[in-house]
């Protein structure tokens, strides 16, 4: 018989999705409702006045980043726009999992595939828009970019969705057509994976 006082099993949850799909909002809600914790990434980008070391990122030099990458200390890493590098440290994730925590990574498809290869037990969730047209509309409604930039983001997004489906790395694909229902669905999937529905904490 299992120890009735045994704590919950740790779970590494990877949430990915194209820009405009709503993955950040969903990931933050899963964190709040299920008592998860986000992994803090390392980066080579300069620290800004609003950044807090250890909360937003761990800031490294190019040499420090390369040393950690080459030593196998990163679960995944990527170079963004050929300029700055970002990565997920392995040790803090492993420590949190050993404590029975729900560890959340919100990363892109390429990073997700890297994590799945290194940690096959990771639970991989990909957030999809209802349609390509709706994704394009969401990118436009942000009002942040020129039409040219929006079209570039849209092309990248379609490529990410194709890569995610073809990779075989993702366990679940959820369509974000209604945000609250999608959040509840994500919570339900995580609870089912952990096998502990008693940890609902607000997920109806």
Protein backbone atom coordinates (compact mmCIF):
# COMPACT_ATOMS: atom_id res chain seq x y z
CA UNK A 1 0.00 0.00 0.00
CA UNK A 2 1.28 3.48 -0.88
CA UNK A 3 2.24 5.82 1.92
CA UNK A 4 -0.86 7.94 2.47
CA UNK A 5 1.31 10.82 3.65
CA UNK A 6 3.45 10.82 0.55
CA UNK A 7 3.48 14.23 -1.16
CA UNK A 8 2.49 14.90 -4.74
CA UNK A 9 4.73 13.75 -7.53
CA UNK A 10 6.80 16.41 -9.20
CA UNK A 11 5.93 17.25 -12.78
CA UNK A 12 7.73 19.27 -15.41
CA UNK A 13 5.13 21.08 -17.51
CA UNK A 14 6.19 22.64 -20.81
CA UNK A 15 3.76 25.09 -22.39
CA UNK A 16 4.45 26.31 -25.92
CA UNK A 17 2.50 28.06 -28.62
CA UNK A 18 2.83 30.74 -31.26
CA UNK A 19 2.81 34.44 -30.47
CA UNK A 20 -0.81 35.50 -30.03
CA UNK A 21 -2.15 32.11 -28.96
CA UNK A 22 -2.43 33.09 -25.28
CA UNK A 23 0.13 30.70 -23.81
CA UNK A 24 1.55 33.20 -21.30
CA UNK A 25 -1.84 33.93 -19.74
CA UNK A 26 -2.66 30.22 -19.60
CA UNK A 27 0.71 29.33 -18.08
CA UNK A 28 0.36 31.99 -15.37
CA UNK A 29 -3.15 30.82 -14.49
CA UNK A 30 -2.01 27.20 -14.25
CA UNK A 31 0.77 28.40 -11.94
CA UNK A 32 -1.69 30.23 -9.68
CA UNK A 33 -4.42 27.61 -9.60
CA UNK A 34 -2.23 24.54 -9.20
CA UNK A 35 0.53 25.99 -7.05
CA UNK A 36 3.18 25.66 -9.71
CA UNK A 37 6.49 27.48 -9.98
CA UNK A 38 8.13 28.97 -13.04
CA UNK A 39 11.70 28.09 -13.82
CA UNK A 40 13.93 31.18 -14.00
CA UNK A 41 15.91 31.34 -17.24
CA UNK A 42 19.46 32.48 -17.82
CA UNK A 43 20.19 35.08 -20.48
CA UNK A 44 23.02 37.05 -22.01
CA UNK A 45 20.88 40.12 -22.63
CA UNK A 46 21.73 43.21 -20.57
CA UNK A 47 19.92 43.69 -17.28
CA UNK A 48 17.45 46.58 -17.32
CA UNK A 49 16.50 48.87 -14.43
CA UNK A 50 13.28 46.92 -13.87
CA UNK A 51 14.91 43.47 -13.89
CA UNK A 52 15.47 41.60 -10.65
CA UNK A 53 18.28 39.05 -10.64
CA UNK A 54 16.94 35.61 -9.83
CA UNK A 55 13.31 36.58 -10.35
CA UNK A 56 13.18 37.71 -13.95
CA UNK A 57 16.39 36.09 -15.18
CA UNK A 58 19.88 35.11 -14.15
CA UNK A 59 22.15 37.38 -16.18
CA UNK A 60 25.30 35.82 -17.61
CA UNK A 61 28.14 36.92 -19.86
CA UNK A 62 28.53 35.22 -23.23
CA UNK A 63 31.46 33.25 -21.82
CA UNK A 64 29.52 32.11 -18.74
CA UNK A 65 26.56 31.09 -20.89
CA UNK A 66 28.77 29.08 -23.26
CA UNK A 67 30.47 27.35 -20.35
CA UNK A 68 27.15 26.26 -18.83
CA UNK A 69 25.79 25.17 -22.18
CA UNK A 70 28.89 23.14 -23.02
CA UNK A 71 28.89 21.52 -19.57
CA UNK A 72 25.35 20.23 -20.14
CA UNK A 73 23.93 22.47 -17.41
CA UNK A 74 21.06 23.73 -19.60
CA UNK A 75 17.93 21.74 -20.40
CA UNK A 76 17.41 23.90 -23.46
CA UNK A 77 18.77 27.05 -25.00
CA UNK A 78 18.19 29.31 -27.97
CA UNK A 79 19.65 32.37 -29.63
CA UNK A 80 16.98 35.01 -30.25
CA UNK A 81 17.28 37.12 -33.41
CA UNK A 82 20.96 36.19 -33.59
CA UNK A 83 21.72 38.50 -30.69
CA UNK A 84 21.04 37.29 -27.15
CA UNK A 85 20.89 33.76 -25.77
CA UNK A 86 18.34 32.33 -23.35
CA UNK A 87 18.31 28.98 -21.59
CA UNK A 88 16.78 26.87 -18.81
CA UNK A 89 19.14 25.71 -16.05
CA UNK A 90 18.83 22.00 -15.36
CA UNK A 91 19.76 21.82 -11.66
CA UNK A 92 17.01 24.08 -10.20
CA UNK A 93 14.39 22.20 -12.22
CA UNK A 94 15.62 18.85 -10.95
CA UNK A 95 15.66 20.13 -7.35
CA UNK A 96 12.08 21.41 -7.57
CA UNK A 97 10.89 18.15 -9.13
CA UNK A 98 12.55 16.20 -6.33
CA UNK A 99 10.53 18.33 -3.87
CA UNK A 100 7.32 17.27 -5.60
CA UNK A 101 6.70 20.62 -7.26
CA UNK A 102 4.90 21.45 -10.48
CA UNK A 103 7.61 23.18 -12.52
CA UNK A 104 6.45 25.24 -15.50
CA UNK A 105 8.49 26.17 -18.55
CA UNK A 106 6.97 28.54 -21.08
CA UNK A 107 9.32 28.11 -24.03
CA UNK A 108 9.28 27.91 -27.80
CA UNK A 109 8.95 24.76 -29.87
CA UNK A 110 12.66 24.22 -30.42
CA UNK A 111 13.30 24.53 -26.69
CA UNK A 112 10.41 22.19 -25.95
CA UNK A 113 11.85 19.52 -28.22
CA UNK A 114 15.23 19.84 -26.48
CA UNK A 115 13.60 19.42 -23.07
CA UNK A 116 11.58 16.38 -24.16
CA UNK A 117 14.73 14.72 -25.45
CA UNK A 118 16.51 15.26 -22.14
CA UNK A 119 13.54 14.71 -19.81
CA UNK A 120 11.10 12.31 -21.50
CA UNK A 121 8.68 12.44 -18.54
CA UNK A 122 7.98 16.14 -19.15
CA UNK A 123 4.33 16.89 -19.89
CA UNK A 124 4.20 18.84 -23.12
CA UNK A 125 1.24 21.12 -23.95
CA UNK A 126 0.94 23.22 -27.09
CA UNK A 127 -1.58 26.08 -27.28
CA UNK A 128 -3.21 26.67 -30.66
CA UNK A 129 -5.31 29.58 -31.92
CA UNK A 130 -8.83 28.75 -33.18
CA UNK A 131 -7.71 29.40 -36.76
CA UNK A 132 -4.98 31.08 -38.79
CA UNK A 133 -7.30 34.02 -39.47
CA UNK A 134 -7.98 34.52 -35.76
CA UNK A 135 -4.27 34.35 -34.97
CA UNK A 136 -3.60 37.05 -37.56
CA UNK A 137 -6.40 39.17 -36.09
CA UNK A 138 -4.96 38.80 -32.57
CA UNK A 139 -1.53 39.88 -33.74
CA UNK A 140 -3.06 42.94 -35.37
CA UNK A 141 -5.18 43.82 -32.31
CA UNK A 142 -2.05 44.10 -30.19
CA UNK A 143 -1.20 47.30 -32.05
CA UNK A 144 2.51 46.79 -31.43
CA UNK A 145 3.92 46.14 -34.88
CA UNK A 146 3.81 47.29 -38.47
CA UNK A 147 1.89 45.14 -40.93
CA UNK A 148 5.20 43.88 -42.30
CA UNK A 149 6.29 42.78 -38.82
CA UNK A 150 2.90 41.19 -38.19
CA UNK A 151 3.19 39.14 -41.36
CA UNK A 152 6.66 37.98 -40.29
CA UNK A 153 5.32 36.93 -36.89
CA UNK A 154 2.41 35.18 -38.58
CA UNK A 155 4.73 33.20 -40.86
CA UNK A 156 6.90 32.21 -37.88
CA UNK A 157 3.80 31.18 -35.93
CA UNK A 158 2.57 28.90 -38.70
CA UNK A 159 6.01 27.31 -38.90
CA UNK A 160 6.02 26.72 -35.13
CA UNK A 161 2.64 25.00 -35.26
CA UNK A 162 3.79 22.74 -38.10
CA UNK A 163 7.02 21.89 -36.25
CA UNK A 164 5.16 21.09 -33.02
CA UNK A 165 2.79 18.69 -34.77
CA UNK A 166 5.55 16.99 -36.75
CA UNK A 167 7.95 16.64 -33.83
CA UNK A 168 5.94 14.13 -31.82
CA UNK A 169 7.21 15.87 -28.68
CA UNK A 170 3.88 17.33 -27.52
CA UNK A 171 1.40 15.29 -25.51
CA UNK A 172 -1.59 17.62 -25.84
CA UNK A 173 -2.74 20.32 -28.24
CA UNK A 174 -5.40 22.65 -26.86
CA UNK A 175 -7.28 25.26 -28.89
CA UNK A 176 -7.67 28.60 -27.15
CA UNK A 177 -11.05 29.72 -28.47
CA UNK A 178 -12.41 30.59 -25.01
CA UNK A 179 -9.73 31.64 -22.53
CA UNK A 180 -11.39 30.52 -19.28
CA UNK A 181 -12.38 27.14 -20.72
CA UNK A 182 -8.88 26.68 -22.10
CA UNK A 183 -7.34 27.45 -18.70
CA UNK A 184 -9.63 24.92 -17.05
CA UNK A 185 -8.76 22.35 -19.70
CA UNK A 186 -5.05 22.91 -19.13
CA UNK A 187 -5.52 22.51 -15.37
CA UNK A 188 -7.53 19.34 -15.89
CA UNK A 189 -4.84 17.85 -18.12
CA UNK A 190 -2.11 18.63 -15.59
CA UNK A 191 -4.16 17.19 -12.72
CA UNK A 192 -4.82 14.04 -14.69
CA UNK A 193 -1.13 13.69 -15.49
CA UNK A 194 -0.19 14.00 -11.83
CA UNK A 195 -3.01 11.70 -10.82
CA UNK A 196 -4.00 13.97 -7.94
CA UNK A 197 -7.33 15.67 -8.54
CA UNK A 198 -7.48 16.72 -4.86
CA UNK A 199 -5.02 19.50 -5.71
CA UNK A 200 -7.61 21.32 -7.81
CA UNK A 201 -7.13 24.68 -6.05
CA UNK A 202 -9.76 26.54 -8.00
CA UNK A 203 -9.77 24.58 -11.23
CA UNK A 204 -13.45 23.74 -11.74
